[in-house]
Structure formats: C-alpha cells, structure tokens
N, C-alpha and C. Protein backbone atom coordinates (compact mmCIF):
# COMPACT_ATOMS: atom_id res chain seq x y z
N UNK A 1 0.81 -1.19 0.00
CA UNK A 1 0.00 0.00 0.00
C UNK A 1 0.85 1.26 0.00
N UNK A 2 1.92 1.26 0.79
CA UNK A 2 2.75 2.45 0.87
C UNK A 2 3.42 2.72 -0.48
N UNK A 3 3.77 1.68 -1.20
CA UNK A 3 4.41 1.85 -2.50
C UNK A 3 3.46 2.52 -3.48
N UNK A 4 2.19 2.12 -3.46
CA UNK A 4 1.21 2.73 -4.35
C UNK A 4 1.05 4.22 -4.06
N UNK A 5 1.07 4.58 -2.79
CA UNK A 5 0.91 5.98 -2.42
C UNK A 5 2.11 6.79 -2.91
N UNK A 6 3.32 6.27 -2.69
CA UNK A 6 4.51 6.98 -3.15
C UNK A 6 4.51 7.08 -4.67
N UNK A 7 4.10 6.03 -5.34
CA UNK A 7 4.05 6.05 -6.79
C UNK A 7 3.07 7.09 -7.30
N UNK A 8 1.92 7.22 -6.64
CA UNK A 8 0.93 8.22 -7.05
C UNK A 8 1.47 9.63 -6.84
N UNK A 9 2.15 9.85 -5.72
CA UNK A 9 2.70 11.18 -5.43
C UNK A 9 3.79 11.53 -6.43
N UNK A 10 4.61 10.56 -6.76
CA UNK A 10 5.68 10.83 -7.73
C UNK A 10 5.09 11.10 -9.11
N UNK A 11 4.03 10.40 -9.46
CA UNK A 11 3.41 10.60 -10.76
C UNK A 11 2.79 11.98 -10.87
N UNK A 12 2.24 12.51 -9.77
CA UNK A 12 1.63 13.83 -9.78
C UNK A 12 2.67 14.93 -9.94
N UNK A 13 3.89 14.71 -9.40
CA UNK A 13 4.93 15.74 -9.43
C UNK A 13 5.72 15.75 -10.73
N UNK A 14 5.56 14.73 -11.58
CA UNK A 14 6.40 14.64 -12.78
C UNK A 14 6.22 15.82 -13.73
N UNK A 15 5.02 16.28 -13.94
CA UNK A 15 4.78 17.31 -14.93
C UNK A 15 5.02 18.72 -14.44
N UNK A 16 5.28 18.91 -13.17
CA UNK A 16 5.41 20.26 -12.62
C UNK A 16 6.83 20.78 -12.76
N UNK A 17 6.95 22.09 -12.96
CA UNK A 17 8.24 22.73 -12.94
C UNK A 17 8.94 22.79 -14.29
N UNK A 18 8.53 21.99 -15.26
CA UNK A 18 9.19 21.99 -16.57
C UNK A 18 8.19 22.44 -17.63
N UNK A 19 8.52 23.48 -18.38
CA UNK A 19 7.64 23.86 -19.48
C UNK A 19 7.75 22.85 -20.62
N UNK A 20 6.71 22.78 -21.41
CA UNK A 20 6.72 21.85 -22.54
C UNK A 20 7.80 22.30 -23.54
N UNK A 21 8.57 21.35 -24.09
CA UNK A 21 9.61 21.73 -25.05
C UNK A 21 8.99 22.29 -26.33
N UNK A 22 9.62 23.37 -26.84
CA UNK A 22 9.11 23.99 -28.07
C UNK A 22 9.63 23.21 -29.26
N UNK A 23 8.82 23.13 -30.29
CA UNK A 23 9.23 22.45 -31.53
C UNK A 23 10.08 23.40 -32.36
N UNK A 24 11.05 22.84 -33.05
CA UNK A 24 11.91 23.62 -33.93
C UNK A 24 11.24 23.74 -35.28
N UNK A 25 11.22 24.96 -35.82
CA UNK A 25 10.64 25.15 -37.14
C UNK A 25 11.64 24.71 -38.21
N UNK A 26 11.17 24.30 -39.38
CA UNK A 26 12.09 23.87 -40.44
C UNK A 26 13.14 24.92 -40.82
N UNK A 27 12.79 26.22 -40.97
CA UNK A 27 13.85 27.18 -41.29
C UNK A 27 14.92 27.29 -40.20
N UNK A 28 14.52 27.24 -38.94
CA UNK A 28 15.48 27.29 -37.84
C UNK A 28 16.37 26.06 -37.88
N UNK A 29 15.78 24.91 -38.15
CA UNK A 29 16.55 23.67 -38.24
C UNK A 29 17.61 23.76 -39.34
N UNK A 30 17.23 24.28 -40.51
CA UNK A 30 18.17 24.42 -41.62
C UNK A 30 19.30 25.38 -41.24
N UNK A 31 18.97 26.50 -40.60
CA UNK A 31 20.00 27.45 -40.17
C UNK A 31 20.97 26.79 -39.18
N UNK A 32 20.44 25.99 -38.27
CA UNK A 32 21.30 25.31 -37.30
C UNK A 32 22.20 24.28 -37.98
N UNK A 33 21.66 23.57 -38.96
CA UNK A 33 22.46 22.58 -39.69
C UNK A 33 23.58 23.28 -40.45
N UNK A 34 23.28 24.37 -41.13
CA UNK A 34 24.30 25.11 -41.87
C UNK A 34 25.36 25.64 -40.91
N UNK A 35 24.94 26.14 -39.77
CA UNK A 35 25.89 26.64 -38.77
C UNK A 35 26.82 25.54 -38.26
N UNK A 36 26.28 24.34 -38.05
CA UNK A 36 27.11 23.22 -37.60
C UNK A 36 28.06 22.78 -38.71
N UNK A 37 27.60 22.77 -39.96
CA UNK A 37 28.47 22.36 -41.06
C UNK A 37 29.62 23.34 -41.27
N UNK A 38 29.43 24.60 -40.92
CA UNK A 38 30.52 25.57 -41.04
C UNK A 38 31.63 25.29 -40.03
N UNK A 39 31.29 24.62 -38.92
CA UNK A 39 32.28 24.30 -37.89
C UNK A 39 33.13 23.08 -38.27
N UNK A 40 32.68 22.32 -39.24
CA UNK A 40 33.37 21.08 -39.62
C UNK A 40 34.69 21.42 -40.30
N UNK A 41 35.74 20.69 -39.92
CA UNK A 41 37.03 20.83 -40.60
C UNK A 41 37.05 19.78 -41.70
N UNK A 42 36.90 20.22 -42.93
CA UNK A 42 36.82 19.30 -44.06
C UNK A 42 38.22 18.84 -44.44
N UNK A 43 38.38 17.57 -44.85
CA UNK A 43 39.71 17.08 -45.23
C UNK A 43 40.17 17.70 -46.55
N UNK A 44 41.49 17.80 -46.69
CA UNK A 44 42.05 18.28 -47.95
C UNK A 44 41.93 17.16 -48.97
N UNK A 45 42.21 17.48 -50.23
CA UNK A 45 42.12 16.46 -51.28
C UNK A 45 43.09 15.31 -50.99
N UNK A 46 44.31 15.65 -50.55
CA UNK A 46 45.30 14.62 -50.27
C UNK A 46 44.85 13.72 -49.12
N UNK A 47 44.29 14.31 -48.04
CA UNK A 47 43.78 13.51 -46.92
C UNK A 47 42.63 12.62 -47.38
N UNK A 48 41.76 13.17 -48.21
CA UNK A 48 40.62 12.40 -48.69
C UNK A 48 41.08 11.19 -49.50
N UNK A 49 42.07 11.40 -50.37
CA UNK A 49 42.59 10.29 -51.17
C UNK A 49 43.25 9.25 -50.26
N UNK A 50 43.99 9.71 -49.25
CA UNK A 50 44.64 8.80 -48.32
C UNK A 50 43.60 7.98 -47.55
N UNK A 51 42.59 8.65 -47.01
CA UNK A 51 41.55 7.94 -46.24
C UNK A 51 40.81 6.94 -47.12
N UNK A 52 40.51 7.34 -48.35
CA UNK A 52 39.79 6.45 -49.26
C UNK A 52 40.64 5.23 -49.59
N UNK A 53 41.93 5.45 -49.85
CA UNK A 53 42.82 4.34 -50.18
C UNK A 53 42.95 3.37 -49.01
N UNK A 54 43.13 3.91 -47.82
CA UNK A 54 43.24 3.06 -46.63
C UNK A 54 41.96 2.25 -46.43
N UNK A 55 40.82 2.89 -46.62
CA UNK A 55 39.54 2.19 -46.46
C UNK A 55 39.38 1.07 -47.48
N UNK A 56 39.72 1.34 -48.73
CA UNK A 56 39.59 0.32 -49.77
C UNK A 56 40.55 -0.84 -49.55
N UNK A 57 41.78 -0.54 -49.14
CA UNK A 57 42.74 -1.61 -48.85
C UNK A 57 42.24 -2.47 -47.69
N UNK A 58 41.71 -1.84 -46.66
CA UNK A 58 41.18 -2.59 -45.52
C UNK A 58 40.02 -3.48 -45.94
N UNK A 59 39.10 -2.95 -46.74
CA UNK A 59 37.95 -3.73 -47.19
C UNK A 59 38.42 -4.91 -48.04
N UNK A 60 39.36 -4.69 -48.94
CA UNK A 60 39.88 -5.78 -49.77
C UNK A 60 40.59 -6.83 -48.92
N UNK A 61 41.35 -6.39 -47.92
CA UNK A 61 42.01 -7.34 -47.02
C UNK A 61 40.99 -8.19 -46.28
N UNK A 62 39.96 -7.55 -45.73
CA UNK A 62 38.92 -8.29 -45.00
C UNK A 62 38.17 -9.24 -45.93
N UNK A 63 37.92 -8.80 -47.17
CA UNK A 63 37.26 -9.67 -48.15
C UNK A 63 38.11 -10.91 -48.40
N UNK A 64 39.41 -10.72 -48.60
CA UNK A 64 40.29 -11.85 -48.85
C UNK A 64 40.36 -12.77 -47.63
N UNK A 65 40.44 -12.20 -46.44
CA UNK A 65 40.49 -13.00 -45.22
C UNK A 65 39.24 -13.85 -45.06
N UNK A 66 38.08 -13.25 -45.25
CA UNK A 66 36.82 -14.00 -45.12
C UNK A 66 36.72 -15.06 -46.21
N UNK A 67 37.15 -14.74 -47.42
CA UNK A 67 37.09 -15.71 -48.52
C UNK A 67 37.99 -16.91 -48.22
N UNK A 68 39.19 -16.66 -47.72
CA UNK A 68 40.11 -17.75 -47.40
C UNK A 68 39.56 -18.60 -46.26
N UNK A 69 39.05 -17.95 -45.22
CA UNK A 69 38.47 -18.71 -44.11
C UNK A 69 37.25 -19.52 -44.56
N UNK A 70 36.43 -18.95 -45.41
CA UNK A 70 35.27 -19.65 -45.93
C UNK A 70 35.70 -20.88 -46.72
N UNK A 71 36.69 -20.70 -47.58
CA UNK A 71 37.19 -21.82 -48.39
C UNK A 71 37.77 -22.91 -47.49
N UNK A 72 38.58 -22.52 -46.49
CA UNK A 72 39.20 -23.49 -45.60
C UNK A 72 38.15 -24.25 -44.79
N UNK A 73 37.16 -23.55 -44.28
CA UNK A 73 36.11 -24.23 -43.51
C UNK A 73 35.28 -25.14 -44.40
N UNK A 74 35.04 -24.72 -45.62
CA UNK A 74 34.29 -25.57 -46.56
C UNK A 74 35.06 -26.86 -46.82
N UNK A 75 36.35 -26.74 -47.09
CA UNK A 75 37.17 -27.94 -47.33
C UNK A 75 37.19 -28.83 -46.08
N UNK A 76 37.29 -28.23 -44.90
CA UNK A 76 37.30 -29.01 -43.67
C UNK A 76 35.99 -29.75 -43.44
N UNK A 77 34.88 -29.10 -43.69
CA UNK A 77 33.58 -29.75 -43.51
C UNK A 77 33.39 -30.86 -44.53
N UNK A 78 33.78 -30.62 -45.79
CA UNK A 78 33.64 -31.68 -46.81
C UNK A 78 34.54 -32.87 -46.47
N UNK A 79 35.75 -32.59 -45.96
CA UNK A 79 36.65 -33.69 -45.59
C UNK A 79 36.07 -34.48 -44.42
N UNK A 80 35.44 -33.77 -43.47
CA UNK A 80 34.92 -34.43 -42.28
C UNK A 80 33.71 -35.29 -42.59
N UNK A 81 32.83 -34.84 -43.47
CA UNK A 81 31.56 -35.54 -43.70
C UNK A 81 31.54 -36.39 -44.97
N UNK A 82 32.61 -36.45 -45.73
CA UNK A 82 32.59 -37.32 -46.93
C UNK A 82 33.58 -38.44 -46.81
C-alpha cells in the first residue's frame, strides 16, 4: 500500500516545474544545420585520397580474409563428412 501511495505522489509531481519543449521550425533547423556544417574541418584532397585508399585496402584485405576462411572451412567440412 505504501508503494502505491509513493508512486501516485511521484506521478503527480512529474509534470510540474518543466515547461513543454518547443518544436523547432524547419527554417530554424536548416540554419542550425548550416551553422554546424561551417564548424566542420573538411579534409584536404590529399587527406581524402589517403583515407579512401586506406579504407579500400582494408575492405579488400577483409574480403580476402573472409574468402580464405570460408574456403578453408568448406574444405574441412567436406573432408569431415565425406
């Protein structure tokens, strides 16, 4: 019984003291997005090429690793069950 009373009191106090949050209008949202994008430090062309190359090499390495592991496990399973 005491828990129900405390729960009711806490539920009554939840909405007090805080105003309802205002919705952001679309033009304000766009202005805020543009303002945040101006703060971004964009990579130079050389950095972009370096990052892209590193990413592609990593993806190709992972592709090769998964392909080799897949092939090895396939051969192991076929050897075990045939």
